[in-house]
């Protein structure tokens, strides 16, 4: 799990597309970007890539986006063989 907004900040209209591109690159490169400014304490079942990138074979990813005005969206991206 990662949260790209922790490193790039909130983008008014471009946040969701940046999240999708970040996810496509993570799938292609096998590298999960870091989530900065988050502790390594109890996160329940979540496993954030806290502080540094993490290598992983990413085959499927869920991208969630929320924004001002109440929009919510989700997209599932999958690697092609």
Protein backbone atom coordinates (compact mmCIF):
# COMPACT_ATOMS: atom_id res chain seq x y z
CA UNK A 1 0.00 0.00 0.00
CA UNK A 2 1.14 3.51 -0.72
CA UNK A 3 -0.21 7.05 -0.74
CA UNK A 4 1.54 9.13 -3.44
CA UNK A 5 -0.07 12.34 -2.17
CA UNK A 6 2.27 12.23 0.84
CA UNK A 7 5.20 13.01 -1.46
CA UNK A 8 3.60 15.23 -4.11
CA UNK A 9 0.82 16.96 -2.17
CA UNK A 10 -2.80 17.41 -3.15
CA UNK A 11 -3.35 18.28 -6.79
CA UNK A 12 -6.68 20.01 -7.51
CA UNK A 13 -7.69 18.24 -10.73
CA UNK A 14 -4.71 16.05 -11.48
CA UNK A 15 -4.52 13.87 -8.39
CA UNK A 16 -6.46 10.87 -9.70
CA UNK A 17 -4.57 10.68 -13.03
CA UNK A 18 -1.24 10.94 -11.17
CA UNK A 19 -2.32 8.08 -8.90
CA UNK A 20 -3.18 5.93 -11.95
CA UNK A 21 0.14 6.68 -13.66
CA UNK A 22 2.01 5.98 -10.41
CA UNK A 23 0.23 2.63 -10.17
CA UNK A 24 0.97 1.69 -13.79
CA UNK A 25 4.65 2.48 -13.20
CA UNK A 26 4.65 0.46 -9.95
CA UNK A 27 3.25 -2.53 -11.85
CA UNK A 28 5.74 -2.11 -14.69
CA UNK A 29 8.82 -1.48 -12.54
CA UNK A 30 7.98 -3.74 -9.58
CA UNK A 31 8.58 -0.86 -7.19
CA UNK A 32 6.02 0.53 -4.75
CA UNK A 33 6.64 4.24 -4.08
CA UNK A 34 7.14 5.33 -0.48
CA UNK A 35 4.54 6.79 1.85
CA UNK A 36 6.35 9.51 3.77
CA UNK A 37 5.56 11.04 7.15
CA UNK A 38 3.79 7.93 8.40
CA UNK A 39 4.84 5.95 11.43
CA UNK A 40 5.40 2.22 11.54
CA UNK A 41 3.03 1.75 14.49
CA UNK A 42 -0.08 -0.33 14.51
CA UNK A 43 -1.79 -0.03 11.13
CA UNK A 44 -3.95 -3.11 11.48
CA UNK A 45 -3.95 -5.10 8.25
CA UNK A 46 -2.43 -2.21 6.28
CA UNK A 47 1.21 -2.41 5.28
CA UNK A 48 2.33 1.02 4.05
CA UNK A 49 5.64 1.32 2.22
CA UNK A 50 6.67 3.65 5.04
CA UNK A 51 9.62 5.94 4.37
CA UNK A 52 11.23 4.15 1.43
CA UNK A 53 10.22 2.43 -1.80
CA UNK A 54 9.61 -1.31 -1.67
CA UNK A 55 10.25 -3.85 -4.40
CA UNK A 56 7.36 -6.19 -5.10
CA UNK A 57 5.81 -8.12 -7.94
CA UNK A 58 2.68 -6.02 -8.35
CA UNK A 59 0.10 -7.80 -10.51
CA UNK A 60 -3.14 -6.12 -9.43
CA UNK A 61 -3.75 -2.77 -7.76
CA UNK A 62 -6.73 -0.78 -6.55
CA UNK A 63 -6.59 3.00 -6.99
CA UNK A 64 -9.01 5.06 -4.91
CA UNK A 65 -9.67 8.77 -5.38
CA UNK A 66 -11.78 11.23 -3.42
CA UNK A 67 -12.15 14.91 -3.95
CA UNK A 68 -13.85 18.17 -3.19
CA UNK A 69 -17.53 18.22 -3.93
CA UNK A 70 -17.91 14.61 -2.83
CA UNK A 71 -16.62 12.67 -5.82
CA UNK A 72 -15.37 9.15 -5.19
CA UNK A 73 -13.91 6.78 -7.74
CA UNK A 74 -12.11 3.48 -7.87
CA UNK A 75 -10.29 1.60 -10.62
CA UNK A 76 -8.60 -1.79 -10.57
CA UNK A 77 -5.46 -2.10 -12.69
CA UNK A 78 -3.99 -5.45 -13.64
CA UNK A 79 -0.71 -6.43 -15.27
CA UNK A 80 -0.98 -8.08 -18.66
CA UNK A 81 0.98 -11.21 -19.42
